[in-house]
Amino acid sequence: MLRQSVLNPSIRAGELTRQVSFAHVSVAQDGSGQPINTWSNYLTTRAKMENLSGQQLYQSDSFTAQGIWRITLHYHAGIVSGDRCFYAPSTGTPHTFDVQLVNDILERHRVLQLTCLEIDGSS
């Protein structure tokens, strides 16, 4: 028999300890006609953040850090792969994540688990 928590996914409010913002990309052109990405915030909410793995990669004569994170939050229909998630702690360095995978747990529209790739530096 399945536990009630498996059949009815939910999040306890005390787990949502981080304030995060989500943004969609829109592509515009600069004065010379080159495309530029503009990120427009559409949601600020509370979330649970877990660092799943991390590594350093050597690319183009420099090291780049790469982290995989799971971000869990209450369901929101507008979050899609390719969006950006921003987390700015009260102290320390702000974090930017690319949303790679959006999982609507049991397709119940109650809990989302996002798999995100942390971007090293500001992009």
PDB file of N, CA and C in Angstrom:
ATOM      1  N   MET A   1       0.841  -1.182   0.000  1.00  0.00           N
ATOM      2  CA  MET A   1       0.000   0.000   0.000  1.00  0.00           C
ATOM      3  C   MET A   1       0.887   1.246   0.000  1.00  0.00           C
ATOM      4  N   LEU A   2       0.542   2.224  -0.815  1.00  0.00           N
ATOM      5  CA  LEU A   2       1.307   3.457  -0.888  1.00  0.00           C
ATOM      6  C   LEU A   2       0.960   4.386   0.261  1.00  0.00           C
ATOM      7  N   ARG A   3       1.974   5.083   0.734  1.00  0.00           N
ATOM      8  CA  ARG A   3       1.746   6.053   1.812  1.00  0.00           C
ATOM      9  C   ARG A   3       0.918   7.227   1.289  1.00  0.00           C
ATOM     10  N   GLN A   4       0.217   7.892   2.191  1.00  0.00           N
ATOM     11  CA  GLN A   4      -0.617   9.042   1.828  1.00  0.00           C
ATOM     12  C   GLN A   4       0.217  10.139   1.176  1.00  0.00           C
ATOM     13  N   SER A   5       1.471  10.356   1.635  1.00  0.00           N
ATOM     14  CA  SER A   5       2.306  11.423   1.078  1.00  0.00           C
ATOM     15  C   SER A   5       2.675  11.151  -0.370  1.00  0.00           C
ATOM     16  N   VAL A   6       2.727   9.884  -0.770  1.00  0.00           N
ATOM     17  CA  VAL A   6       3.014   9.550  -2.157  1.00  0.00           C
ATOM     18  C   VAL A   6       1.789   9.813  -3.025  1.00  0.00           C
ATOM     19  N   LEU A   7       0.612   9.500  -2.510  1.00  0.00           N
ATOM     20  CA  LEU A   7      -0.618   9.693  -3.269  1.00  0.00           C
ATOM     21  C   LEU A   7      -1.045  11.157  -3.345  1.00  0.00           C
ATOM     22  N   ASN A   8      -0.681  11.934  -2.365  1.00  0.00           N
ATOM     23  CA  ASN A   8      -1.080  13.335  -2.289  1.00  0.00           C
ATOM     24  C   ASN A   8       0.156  14.185  -2.006  1.00  0.00           C
ATOM     25  N   PRO A   9       0.950  14.481  -3.045  1.00  0.00           N
ATOM     26  CA  PRO A   9       2.202  15.205  -2.812  1.00  0.00           C
ATOM     27  C   PRO A   9       1.943  16.598  -2.245  1.00  0.00           C
ATOM     28  N   SER A  10       2.744  16.965  -1.274  1.00  0.00           N
ATOM     29  CA  SER A  10       2.625  18.296  -0.685  1.00  0.00           C
ATOM     30  C   SER A  10       3.979  18.717  -0.137  1.00  0.00           C
ATOM     31  N   ILE A  11       4.075  19.970   0.229  1.00  0.00           N
ATOM     32  CA  ILE A  11       5.287  20.533   0.815  1.00  0.00           C
ATOM     33  C   ILE A  11       4.894  21.181   2.123  1.00  0.00           C
ATOM     34  N   ARG A  12       5.687  20.953   3.142  1.00  0.00           N
ATOM     35  CA  ARG A  12       5.460  21.657   4.402  1.00  0.00           C
ATOM     36  C   ARG A  12       6.024  23.066   4.269  1.00  0.00           C
ATOM     37  N   ALA A  13       5.291  24.037   4.768  1.00  0.00           N
ATOM     38  CA  ALA A  13       5.684  25.442   4.630  1.00  0.00           C
ATOM     39  C   ALA A  13       7.077  25.701   5.187  1.00  0.00           C
ATOM     40  N   GLY A  14       7.461  25.009   6.255  1.00  0.00           N
ATOM     41  CA  GLY A  14       8.776  25.207   6.858  1.00  0.00           C
ATOM     42  C   GLY A  14       9.936  24.788   5.977  1.00  0.00           C
ATOM     43  N   GLU A  15       9.662  24.013   4.926  1.00  0.00           N
ATOM     44  CA  GLU A  15      10.714  23.586   3.994  1.00  0.00           C
ATOM     45  C   GLU A  15      11.035  24.658   2.954  1.00  0.00           C
ATOM     46  N   LEU A  16      10.122  25.588   2.750  1.00  0.00           N
ATOM     47  CA  LEU A  16      10.281  26.610   1.711  1.00  0.00           C
ATOM     48  C   LEU A  16      11.031  27.806   2.300  1.00  0.00           C
ATOM     49  N   THR A  17      12.351  27.664   2.427  1.00  0.00           N
ATOM     50  CA  THR A  17      13.153  28.644   3.161  1.00  0.00           C
ATOM     51  C   THR A  17      13.841  29.677   2.283  1.00  0.00           C
ATOM     52  N   ARG A  18      13.762  29.542   0.977  1.00  0.00           N
ATOM     53  CA  ARG A  18      14.465  30.456   0.071  1.00  0.00           C
ATOM     54  C   ARG A  18      13.470  31.219  -0.788  1.00  0.00           C
ATOM     55  N   GLN A  19      13.725  32.507  -0.976  1.00  0.00           N
ATOM     56  CA  GLN A  19      12.905  33.285  -1.905  1.00  0.00           C
ATOM     57  C   GLN A  19      13.600  33.302  -3.252  1.00  0.00           C
ATOM     58  N   VAL A  20      12.899  32.853  -4.283  1.00  0.00           N
ATOM     59  CA  VAL A  20      13.462  32.777  -5.629  1.00  0.00           C
ATOM     60  C   VAL A  20      12.554  33.522  -6.598  1.00  0.00           C
ATOM     61  N   SER A  21      13.132  33.926  -7.721  1.00  0.00           N
ATOM     62  CA  SER A  21      12.382  34.586  -8.794  1.00  0.00           C
ATOM     63  C   SER A  21      12.608  33.816 -10.083  1.00  0.00           C
ATOM     64  N   PHE A  22      11.589  33.821 -10.940  1.00  0.00           N
ATOM     65  CA  PHE A  22      11.675  33.142 -12.230  1.00  0.00           C
ATOM     66  C   PHE A  22      11.478  34.159 -13.343  1.00  0.00           C
ATOM     67  N   ALA A  23      12.163  33.917 -14.475  1.00  0.00           N
ATOM     68  CA  ALA A  23      12.097  34.841 -15.611  1.00  0.00           C
ATOM     69  C   ALA A  23      12.044  34.064 -16.919  1.00  0.00           C
ATOM     70  N   HIS A  24      11.294  34.619 -17.888  1.00  0.00           N
ATOM     71  CA  HIS A  24      11.258  34.122 -19.263  1.00  0.00           C
ATOM     72  C   HIS A  24      12.229  34.963 -20.084  1.00  0.00           C
ATOM     73  N   VAL A  25      12.740  34.387 -21.153  1.00  0.00           N
ATOM     74  CA  VAL A  25      13.628  35.122 -22.054  1.00  0.00           C
ATOM     75  C   VAL A  25      12.823  35.673 -23.230  1.00  0.00           C
ATOM     76  N   SER A  26      13.220  36.855 -23.657  1.00  0.00           N
ATOM     77  CA  SER A  26      12.724  37.395 -24.921  1.00  0.00           C
ATOM     78  C   SER A  26      13.945  37.901 -25.674  1.00  0.00           C
ATOM     79  N   VAL A  27      13.917  37.735 -26.976  1.00  0.00           N
ATOM     80  CA  VAL A  27      15.067  38.102 -27.798  1.00  0.00           C
ATOM     81  C   VAL A  27      14.746  39.405 -28.515  1.00  0.00           C
ATOM     82  N   ALA A  28      15.647  40.360 -28.348  1.00  0.00           N
ATOM     83  CA  ALA A  28      15.519  41.656 -29.025  1.00  0.00           C
ATOM     84  C   ALA A  28      16.782  41.883 -29.846  1.00  0.00           C
ATOM     85  N   GLN A  29      16.842  43.003 -30.525  1.00  0.00           N
ATOM     86  CA  GLN A  29      18.031  43.332 -31.311  1.00  0.00           C
ATOM     87  C   GLN A  29      18.627  44.622 -30.791  1.00  0.00           C
ATOM     88  N   ASP A  30      19.961  44.648 -30.752  1.00  0.00           N
ATOM     89  CA  ASP A  30      20.633  45.878 -30.348  1.00  0.00           C
ATOM     90  C   ASP A  30      20.704  46.817 -31.552  1.00  0.00           C
ATOM     91  N   GLY A  31      21.380  47.955 -31.391  1.00  0.00           N
ATOM     92  CA  GLY A  31      21.461  48.970 -32.441  1.00  0.00           C
ATOM     93  C   GLY A  31      22.080  48.482 -33.734  1.00  0.00           C
ATOM     94  N   SER A  32      22.956  47.477 -33.656  1.00  0.00           N
ATOM     95  CA  SER A  32      23.602  46.958 -34.863  1.00  0.00           C
ATOM     96  C   SER A  32      22.895  45.709 -35.408  1.00  0.00           C
ATOM     97  N   GLY A  33      21.730  45.386 -34.848  1.00  0.00           N
ATOM     98  CA  GLY A  33      20.963  44.258 -35.354  1.00  0.00           C
ATOM     99  C   GLY A  33      21.321  42.914 -34.746  1.00  0.00           C
ATOM    100  N   GLN A  34      22.226  42.901 -33.765  1.00  0.00           N
ATOM    101  CA  GLN A  34      22.618  41.652 -33.116  1.00  0.00           C
ATOM    102  C   GLN A  34      21.563  41.256 -32.079  1.00  0.00           C
ATOM    103  N   PRO A  35      21.261  39.960 -31.985  1.00  0.00           N
ATOM    104  CA  PRO A  35      20.268  39.530 -30.993  1.00  0.00           C
ATOM    105  C   PRO A  35      20.810  39.634 -29.565  1.00  0.00           C
ATOM    106  N   ILE A  36      19.948  40.080 -28.655  1.00  0.00           N
ATOM    107  CA  ILE A  36      20.297  40.119 -27.230  1.00  0.00           C
ATOM    108  C   ILE A  36      19.139  39.518 -26.439  1.00  0.00           C
ATOM    109  N   ASN A  37      19.505  38.772 -25.407  1.00  0.00           N
ATOM    110  CA  ASN A  37      18.491  38.160 -24.540  1.00  0.00           C
ATOM    111  C   ASN A  37      18.114  39.112 -23.423  1.00  0.00           C
ATOM    112  N   THR A  38      16.826  39.260 -23.198  1.00  0.00           N
ATOM    113  CA  THR A  38      16.310  40.068 -22.105  1.00  0.00           C
ATOM    114  C   THR A  38      15.456  39.159 -21.230  1.00  0.00           C
ATOM    115  N   TRP A  39      15.740  39.166 -19.920  1.00  0.00           N
ATOM    116  CA  TRP A  39      15.009  38.307 -18.988  1.00  0.00           C
ATOM    117  C   TRP A  39      13.977  39.137 -18.243  1.00  0.00           C
ATOM    118  N   SER A  40      12.714  38.688 -18.285  1.00  0.00           N
ATOM    119  CA  SER A  40      11.609  39.388 -17.626  1.00  0.00           C
ATOM    120  C   SER A  40      11.068  38.522 -16.492  1.00  0.00           C
ATOM    121  N   ASN A  41      11.175  39.031 -15.253  1.00  0.00           N
ATOM    122  CA  ASN A  41      10.650  38.295 -14.096  1.00  0.00           C
ATOM    123  C   ASN A  41       9.131  38.180 -14.195  1.00  0.00           C
ATOM    124  N   TYR A  42       8.613  36.989 -13.870  1.00  0.00           N
ATOM    125  CA  TYR A  42       7.172  36.774 -13.864  1.00  0.00           C
ATOM    126  C   TYR A  42       6.665  36.136 -12.573  1.00  0.00           C
ATOM    127  N   LEU A  43       7.580  35.677 -11.693  1.00  0.00           N
ATOM    128  CA  LEU A  43       7.139  35.018 -10.469  1.00  0.00           C
ATOM    129  C   LEU A  43       8.212  35.143  -9.401  1.00  0.00           C
ATOM    130  N   THR A  44       7.795  35.524  -8.196  1.00  0.00           N
ATOM    131  CA  THR A  44       8.648  35.465  -7.015  1.00  0.00           C
ATOM    132  C   THR A  44       7.900  34.627  -5.985  1.00  0.00           C
ATOM    133  N   THR A  45       8.577  33.609  -5.450  1.00  0.00           N
ATOM    134  CA  THR A  45       7.925  32.664  -4.549  1.00  0.00           C
ATOM    135  C   THR A  45       8.947  32.055  -3.602  1.00  0.00           C
ATOM    136  N   ARG A  46       8.464  31.233  -2.678  1.00  0.00           N
ATOM    137  CA  ARG A  46       9.328  30.527  -1.735  1.00  0.00           C
ATOM    138  C   ARG A  46       9.602  29.125  -2.275  1.00  0.00           C
ATOM    139  N   ALA A  47      10.821  28.608  -2.006  1.00  0.00           N
ATOM    140  CA  ALA A  47      11.202  27.299  -2.527  1.00  0.00           C
ATOM    141  C   ALA A  47      12.192  26.610  -1.599  1.00  0.00           C
ATOM    142  N   LYS A  48      12.310  25.320  -1.783  1.00  0.00           N
ATOM    143  CA  LYS A  48      13.322  24.498  -1.124  1.00  0.00           C
ATOM    144  C   LYS A  48      14.412  24.238  -2.158  1.00  0.00           C
ATOM    145  N   MET A  49      15.685  24.436  -1.771  1.00  0.00           N
ATOM    146  CA  MET A  49      16.791  24.270  -2.706  1.00  0.00           C
ATOM    147  C   MET A  49      17.759  23.221  -2.184  1.00  0.00           C
ATOM    148  N   GLU A  50      18.139  22.289  -3.060  1.00  0.00           N
ATOM    149  CA  GLU A  50      19.075  21.228  -2.700  1.00  0.00           C
ATOM    150  C   GLU A  50      20.145  21.122  -3.783  1.00  0.00           C
ATOM    151  N   ASN A  51      21.406  21.171  -3.367  1.00  0.00           N
ATOM    152  CA  ASN A  51      22.518  20.987  -4.298  1.00  0.00           C
ATOM    153  C   ASN A  51      22.733  19.494  -4.485  1.00  0.00           C
ATOM    154  N   LEU A  52      22.511  18.996  -5.704  1.00  0.00           N
ATOM    155  CA  LEU A  52      22.622  17.566  -5.976  1.00  0.00           C
ATOM    156  C   LEU A  52      24.044  17.149  -6.333  1.00  0.00           C
ATOM    157  N   SER A  53      24.757  17.970  -7.095  1.00  0.00           N
ATOM    158  CA  SER A  53      26.131  17.645  -7.478  1.00  0.00           C
ATOM    159  C   SER A  53      26.827  18.888  -8.002  1.00  0.00           C
ATOM    160  N   GLY A  54      28.129  18.800  -8.063  1.00  0.00           N
ATOM    161  CA  GLY A  54      28.912  19.910  -8.593  1.00  0.00           C
ATOM    162  C   GLY A  54      30.237  19.413  -9.128  1.00  0.00           C
ATOM    163  N   GLN A  55      30.803  20.180 -10.049  1.00  0.00           N
ATOM    164  CA  GLN A  55      32.101  19.825 -10.610  1.00  0.00           C
ATOM    165  C   GLN A  55      32.743  21.056 -11.208  1.00  0.00           C
ATOM    166  N   GLN A  56      34.059  20.974 -11.426  1.00  0.00           N
ATOM    167  CA  GLN A  56      34.767  22.032 -12.126  1.00  0.00           C
ATOM    168  C   GLN A  56      35.206  21.496 -13.477  1.00  0.00           C
ATOM    169  N   LEU A  57      34.950  22.262 -14.518  1.00  0.00           N
ATOM    170  CA  LEU A  57      35.313  21.885 -15.874  1.00  0.00           C
ATOM    171  C   LEU A  57      36.377  22.830 -16.397  1.00  0.00           C
ATOM    172  N   TYR A  58      37.309  22.290 -17.171  1.00  0.00           N
ATOM    173  CA  TYR A  58      38.342  23.116 -17.785  1.00  0.00           C
ATOM    174  C   TYR A  58      37.940  23.375 -19.225  1.00  0.00           C
ATOM    175  N   GLN A  59      37.638  24.648 -19.530  1.00  0.00           N
ATOM    176  CA  GLN A  59      37.207  25.029 -20.867  1.00  0.00           C
ATOM    177  C   GLN A  59      37.874  26.334 -21.258  1.00  0.00           C
ATOM    178  N   SER A  60      38.384  26.382 -22.458  1.00  0.00           N
ATOM    179  CA  SER A  60      38.961  27.616 -23.008  1.00  0.00           C
ATOM    180  C   SER A  60      39.986  28.232 -22.070  1.00  0.00           C
ATOM    181  N   ASP A  61      40.929  27.426 -21.595  1.00  0.00           N
ATOM    182  CA  ASP A  61      42.030  27.879 -20.741  1.00  0.00           C
ATOM    183  C   ASP A  61      41.582  28.441 -19.396  1.00  0.00           C
ATOM    184  N   SER A  62      40.416  28.031 -18.895  1.00  0.00           N
ATOM    185  CA  SER A  62      39.979  28.459 -17.570  1.00  0.00           C
ATOM    186  C   SER A  62      39.060  27.396 -16.972  1.00  0.00           C
ATOM    187  N   PHE A  63      38.907  27.464 -15.660  1.00  0.00           N
ATOM    188  CA  PHE A  63      38.012  26.545 -14.972  1.00  0.00           C
ATOM    189  C   PHE A  63      36.625  27.170 -14.848  1.00  0.00           C
ATOM    190  N   THR A  64      35.612  26.344 -15.024  1.00  0.00           N
ATOM    191  CA  THR A  64      34.221  26.767 -14.880  1.00  0.00           C
ATOM    192  C   THR A  64      33.537  25.819 -13.904  1.00  0.00           C
ATOM    193  N   ALA A  65      32.825  26.373 -12.927  1.00  0.00           N
ATOM    194  CA  ALA A  65      32.084  25.551 -11.977  1.00  0.00           C
ATOM    195  C   ALA A  65      30.709  25.238 -12.552  1.00  0.00           C
ATOM    196  N   GLN A  66      30.241  24.026 -12.270  1.00  0.00           N
ATOM    197  CA  GLN A  66      28.926  23.617 -12.734  1.00  0.00           C
ATOM    198  C   GLN A  66      28.236  22.865 -11.607  1.00  0.00           C
ATOM    199  N   GLY A  67      27.024  23.290 -11.253  1.00  0.00           N
ATOM    200  CA  GLY A  67      26.274  22.639 -10.193  1.00  0.00           C
ATOM    201  C   GLY A  67      24.893  22.255 -10.665  1.00  0.00           C
ATOM    202  N   ILE A  68      24.425  21.090 -10.202  1.00  0.00           N
ATOM    203  CA  ILE A  68      23.070  20.629 -10.497  1.00  0.00           C
ATOM    204  C   ILE A  68      22.264  20.765  -9.206  1.00  0.00           C
ATOM    205  N   TRP A  69      21.127  21.437  -9.285  1.00  0.00           N
ATOM    206  CA  TRP A  69      20.290  21.713  -8.113  1.00  0.00           C
ATOM    207  C   TRP A  69      18.882  21.196  -8.341  1.00  0.00           C
ATOM    208  N   ARG A  70      18.212  20.808  -7.241  1.00  0.00           N
ATOM    209  CA  ARG A  70      16.781  20.505  -7.256  1.00  0.00           C
ATOM    210  C   ARG A  70      16.091  21.636  -6.508  1.00  0.00           C
ATOM    211  N   ILE A  71      15.131  22.253  -7.158  1.00  0.00           N
ATOM    212  CA  ILE A  71      14.352  23.333  -6.551  1.00  0.00           C
ATOM    213  C   ILE A  71      12.901  22.860  -6.488  1.00  0.00           C
ATOM    214  N   THR A  72      12.347  22.812  -5.273  1.00  0.00           N
ATOM    215  CA  THR A  72      10.989  22.317  -5.049  1.00  0.00           C
ATOM    216  C   THR A  72      10.118  23.479  -4.598  1.00  0.00           C
ATOM    217  N   LEU A  73       8.930  23.610  -5.189  1.00  0.00           N
ATOM    218  CA  LEU A  73       8.038  24.711  -4.866  1.00  0.00           C
ATOM    219  C   LEU A  73       6.598  24.291  -5.126  1.00  0.00           C
ATOM    220  N   HIS A  74       5.665  25.123  -4.666  1.00  0.00           N
ATOM    221  CA  HIS A  74       4.258  24.894  -4.987  1.00  0.00           C
ATOM    222  C   HIS A  74       4.058  25.036  -6.487  1.00  0.00           C
ATOM    223  N   TYR A  75       3.086  24.336  -7.018  1.00  0.00           N
ATOM    224  CA  TYR A  75       2.824  24.310  -8.452  1.00  0.00           C
ATOM    225  C   TYR A  75       2.564  25.712  -9.006  1.00  0.00           C
ATOM    226  N   HIS A  76       3.144  25.963 -10.165  1.00  0.00           N
ATOM    227  CA  HIS A  76       2.867  27.178 -10.936  1.00  0.00           C
ATOM    228  C   HIS A  76       2.929  26.798 -12.410  1.00  0.00           C
ATOM    229  N   ALA A  77       1.847  27.025 -13.138  1.00  0.00           N
ATOM    230  CA  ALA A  77       1.718  26.551 -14.518  1.00  0.00           C
ATOM    231  C   ALA A  77       2.703  27.202 -15.486  1.00  0.00           C
ATOM    232  N   GLY A  78       3.229  28.377 -15.173  1.00  0.00           N
ATOM    233  CA  GLY A  78       4.043  29.107 -16.135  1.00  0.00           C
ATOM    234  C   GLY A  78       5.503  28.715 -16.208  1.00  0.00           C
ATOM    235  N   ILE A  79       5.993  27.884 -15.307  1.00  0.00           N
ATOM    236  CA  ILE A  79       7.413  27.540 -15.290  1.00  0.00           C
ATOM    237  C   ILE A  79       7.688  26.462 -16.330  1.00  0.00           C
ATOM    238  N   VAL A  80       8.648  26.738 -17.231  1.00  0.00           N
ATOM    239  CA  VAL A  80       8.990  25.798 -18.298  1.00  0.00           C
ATOM    240  C   VAL A  80      10.510  25.672 -18.407  1.00  0.00           C
ATOM    241  N   SER A  81      10.950  24.591 -19.048  1.00  0.00           N
ATOM    242  CA  SER A  81      12.380  24.418 -19.321  1.00  0.00           C
ATOM    243  C   SER A  81      12.869  25.608 -20.145  1.00  0.00           C
ATOM    244  N   GLY A  82      14.067  26.070 -19.830  1.00  0.00           N
ATOM    245  CA  GLY A  82      14.620  27.227 -20.519  1.00  0.00           C
ATOM    246  C   GLY A  82      14.451  28.522 -19.755  1.00  0.00           C
ATOM    247  N   ASP A  83      13.579  28.526 -18.748  1.00  0.00           N
ATOM    248  CA  ASP A  83      13.437  29.715 -17.895  1.00  0.00           C
ATOM    249  C   ASP A  83      14.670  29.856 -17.018  1.00  0.00           C
ATOM    250  N   ARG A  84      14.797  30.990 -16.386  1.00  0.00           N
ATOM    251  CA  ARG A  84      15.865  31.231 -15.420  1.00  0.00           C
ATOM    252  C   ARG A  84      15.268  31.366 -14.035  1.00  0.00           C
ATOM    253  N   CYS A  85      16.025  30.900 -13.048  1.00  0.00           N
ATOM    254  CA  CYS A  85      15.670  31.046 -11.645  1.00  0.00           C
ATOM    255  C   CYS A  85      16.784  31.825 -10.976  1.00  0.00           C
ATOM    256  N   PHE A  86      16.415  32.804 -10.163  1.00  0.00           N
ATOM    257  CA  PHE A  86      17.391  33.652  -9.475  1.00  0.00           C
ATOM    258  C   PHE A  86      17.193  33.529  -7.971  1.00  0.00           C
ATOM    259  N   TYR A  87      18.313  33.354  -7.262  1.00  0.00           N
ATOM    260  CA  TYR A  87      18.285  33.309  -5.799  1.00  0.00           C
ATOM    261  C   TYR A  87      19.362  34.245  -5.292  1.00  0.00           C
ATOM    262  N   ALA A  88      18.969  35.224  -4.465  1.00  0.00           N
ATOM    263  CA  ALA A  88      19.903  36.195  -3.908  1.00  0.00           C
ATOM    264  C   ALA A  88      19.849  36.099  -2.389  1.00  0.00           C
ATOM    265  N   PRO A  89      20.803  35.372  -1.771  1.00  0.00           N
ATOM    266  CA  PRO A  89      20.804  35.285  -0.306  1.00  0.00           C
ATOM    267  C   PRO A  89      21.078  36.646   0.314  1.00  0.00           C
ATOM    268  N   SER A  90      20.672  36.805   1.571  1.00  0.00           N
ATOM    269  CA  SER A  90      20.886  38.093   2.236  1.00  0.00           C
ATOM    270  C   SER A  90      22.374  38.401   2.383  1.00  0.00           C
ATOM    271  N   THR A  91      23.202  37.381   2.496  1.00  0.00           N
ATOM    272  CA  THR A  91      24.657  37.557   2.485  1.00  0.00           C
ATOM    273  C   THR A  91      25.223  36.560   1.488  1.00  0.00           C
ATOM    274  N   GLY A  92      26.290  36.924   0.852  1.00  0.00           N
ATOM    275  CA  GLY A  92      26.905  36.002  -0.108  1.00  0.00           C
ATOM    276  C   GLY A  92      26.587  36.359  -1.544  1.00  0.00           C
ATOM    277  N   THR A  93      26.934  35.451  -2.407  1.00  0.00           N
ATOM    278  CA  THR A  93      26.839  35.658  -3.847  1.00  0.00           C
ATOM    279  C   THR A  93      25.477  35.235  -4.387  1.00  0.00           C
ATOM    280  N   PRO A  94      24.860  36.053  -5.236  1.00  0.00           N
ATOM    281  CA  PRO A  94      23.601  35.635  -5.875  1.00  0.00           C
ATOM    282  C   PRO A  94      23.843  34.433  -6.805  1.00  0.00           C
ATOM    283  N   HIS A  95      22.807  33.631  -6.996  1.00  0.00           N
ATOM    284  CA  HIS A  95      22.891  32.442  -7.845  1.00  0.00           C
ATOM    285  C   HIS A  95      21.901  32.575  -8.996  1.00  0.00           C
ATOM    286  N   THR A  96      22.320  32.094 -10.167  1.00  0.00           N
ATOM    287  CA  THR A  96      21.461  32.060 -11.347  1.00  0.00           C
ATOM    288  C   THR A  96      21.430  30.627 -11.857  1.00  0.00           C
ATOM    289  N   PHE A  97      20.226  30.146 -12.178  1.00  0.00           N
ATOM    290  CA  PHE A  97      20.038  28.773 -12.614  1.00  0.00           C
ATOM    291  C   PHE A  97      19.261  28.731 -13.922  1.00  0.00           C
ATOM    292  N   ASP A  98      19.641  27.809 -14.807  1.00  0.00           N
ATOM    293  CA  ASP A  98      18.845  27.495 -15.991  1.00  0.00           C
ATOM    294  C   ASP A  98      17.958  26.317 -15.640  1.00  0.00           C
ATOM    295  N   VAL A  99      16.657  26.448 -15.857  1.00  0.00           N
ATOM    296  CA  VAL A  99      15.725  25.355 -15.591  1.00  0.00           C
ATOM    297  C   VAL A  99      15.872  24.339 -16.721  1.00  0.00           C
ATOM    298  N   GLN A 100      16.267  23.114 -16.359  1.00  0.00           N
ATOM    299  CA  GLN A 100      16.480  22.044 -17.333  1.00  0.00           C
ATOM    300  C   GLN A 100      15.265  21.127 -17.458  1.00  0.00           C
ATOM    301  N   LEU A 101      14.643  20.806 -16.316  1.00  0.00           N
ATOM    302  CA  LEU A 101      13.542  19.850 -16.295  1.00  0.00           C
ATOM    303  C   LEU A 101      12.497  20.315 -15.293  1.00  0.00           C
ATOM    304  N   VAL A 102      11.231  20.259 -15.684  1.00  0.00           N
ATOM    305  CA  VAL A 102      10.111  20.620 -14.806  1.00  0.00           C
ATOM    306  C   VAL A 102       9.289  19.364 -14.574  1.00  0.00           C
ATOM    307  N   ASN A 103       9.201  18.939 -13.303  1.00  0.00           N
ATOM    308  CA  ASN A 103       8.471  17.728 -12.957  1.00  0.00           C
ATOM    309  C   ASN A 103       7.279  18.091 -12.074  1.00  0.00           C
ATOM    310  N   ASP A 104       6.074  17.956 -12.616  1.00  0.00           N
ATOM    311  CA  ASP A 104       4.828  18.141 -11.870  1.00  0.00           C
ATOM    312  C   ASP A 104       4.562  16.806 -11.175  1.00  0.00           C
ATOM    313  N   ILE A 105       4.883  16.709  -9.882  1.00  0.00           N
ATOM    314  CA  ILE A 105       4.834  15.441  -9.157  1.00  0.00           C
ATOM    315  C   ILE A 105       3.451  14.802  -9.285  1.00  0.00           C
ATOM    316  N   LEU A 106       3.433  13.591  -9.809  1.00  0.00           N
ATOM    317  CA  LEU A 106       2.217  12.803 -10.046  1.00  0.00           C
ATOM    318  C   LEU A 106       1.177  13.547 -10.892  1.00  0.00           C
ATOM    319  N   GLU A 107       1.600  14.611 -11.556  1.00  0.00           N
ATOM    320  CA  GLU A 107       0.715  15.432 -12.396  1.00  0.00           C
ATOM    321  C   GLU A 107      -0.539  15.875 -11.636  1.00  0.00           C
ATOM    322  N   ARG A 108      -0.326  16.229 -10.368  1.00  0.00           N
ATOM    323  CA  ARG A 108      -1.439  16.659  -9.506  1.00  0.00           C
ATOM    324  C   ARG A 108      -1.556  18.180  -9.405  1.00  0.00           C
ATOM    325  N   HIS A 109      -0.639  18.918 -10.014  1.00  0.00           N
ATOM    326  CA  HIS A 109      -0.634  20.386  -9.971  1.00  0.00           C
ATOM    327  C   HIS A 109      -0.568  20.910  -8.534  1.00  0.00           C
ATOM    328  N   ARG A 110       0.268  20.278  -7.707  1.00  0.00           N
ATOM    329  CA  ARG A 110       0.454  20.730  -6.330  1.00  0.00           C
ATOM    330  C   ARG A 110       1.910  21.057  -6.036  1.00  0.00           C
ATOM    331  N   VAL A 111       2.820  20.223  -6.533  1.00  0.00           N
ATOM    332  CA  VAL A 111       4.248  20.370  -6.242  1.00  0.00           C
ATOM    333  C   VAL A 111       5.035  20.278  -7.542  1.00  0.00           C
ATOM    334  N   LEU A 112       5.982  21.201  -7.724  1.00  0.00           N
ATOM    335  CA  LEU A 112       6.922  21.131  -8.841  1.00  0.00           C
ATOM    336  C   LEU A 112       8.308  20.839  -8.291  1.00  0.00           C
ATOM    337  N   GLN A 113       9.022  19.942  -8.966  1.00  0.00           N
ATOM    338  CA  GLN A 113      10.439  19.736  -8.694  1.00  0.00           C
ATOM    339  C   GLN A 113      11.175  20.098  -9.970  1.00  0.00           C
ATOM    340  N   LEU A 114      12.067  21.069  -9.858  1.00  0.00           N
ATOM    341  CA  LEU A 114      12.841  21.538 -10.999  1.00  0.00           C
ATOM    342  C   LEU A 114      14.268  21.019 -10.884  1.00  0.00           C
ATOM    343  N   THR A 115      14.805  20.534 -11.978  1.00  0.00           N
ATOM    344  CA  THR A 115      16.227  20.222 -12.042  1.00  0.00           C
ATOM    345  C   THR A 115      16.869  21.379 -12.794  1.00  0.00           C
ATOM    346  N   CYS A 116      17.858  22.012 -12.138  1.00  0.00           N
ATOM    347  CA  CYS A 116      18.432  23.245 -12.669  1.00  0.00           C
ATOM    348  C   CYS A 116      19.954  23.152 -12.731  1.00  0.00           C
ATOM    349  N   LEU A 117      20.524  23.832 -13.693  1.00  0.00           N
ATOM    350  CA  LEU A 117      21.968  23.930 -13.861  1.00  0.00           C
ATOM    351  C   LEU A 117      22.386  25.324 -13.397  1.00  0.00           C
ATOM    352  N   GLU A 118      23.267  25.383 -12.395  1.00  0.00           N
ATOM    353  CA  GLU A 118      23.730  26.684 -11.919  1.00  0.00           C
ATOM    354  C   GLU A 118      24.712  27.271 -12.922  1.00  0.00           C
ATOM    355  N   ILE A 119      24.527  28.549 -13.208  1.00  0.00           N
ATOM    356  CA  ILE A 119      25.393  29.259 -14.149  1.00  0.00           C
ATOM    357  C   ILE A 119      26.511  29.916 -13.354  1.00  0.00           C
ATOM    358  N   ASP A 120      27.748  29.667 -13.746  1.00  0.00           N
ATOM    359  CA  ASP A 120      28.903  30.243 -13.071  1.00  0.00           C
ATOM    360  C   ASP A 120      29.080  31.687 -13.520  1.00  0.00           C
ATOM    361  N   GLY A 121      29.025  32.610 -12.585  1.00  0.00           N
ATOM    362  CA  GLY A 121      29.127  34.028 -12.911  1.00  0.00           C
ATOM    363  C   GLY A 121      27.795  34.564 -13.370  1.00  0.00           C
ATOM    364  N   SER A 122      27.752  35.784 -13.814  1.00  0.00           N
ATOM    365  CA  SER A 122      26.494  36.396 -14.262  1.00  0.00           C
ATOM    366  C   SER A 122      26.390  36.270 -15.765  1.00  0.00           C
ATOM    367  N   SER A 123      25.276  35.708 -16.224  1.00  0.00           N
ATOM    368  CA  SER A 123      25.048  35.516 -17.666  1.00  0.00           C
ATOM    369  C   SER A 123      23.748  36.171 -18.056  1.00  0.00           C
TER     370      SER A 123
END
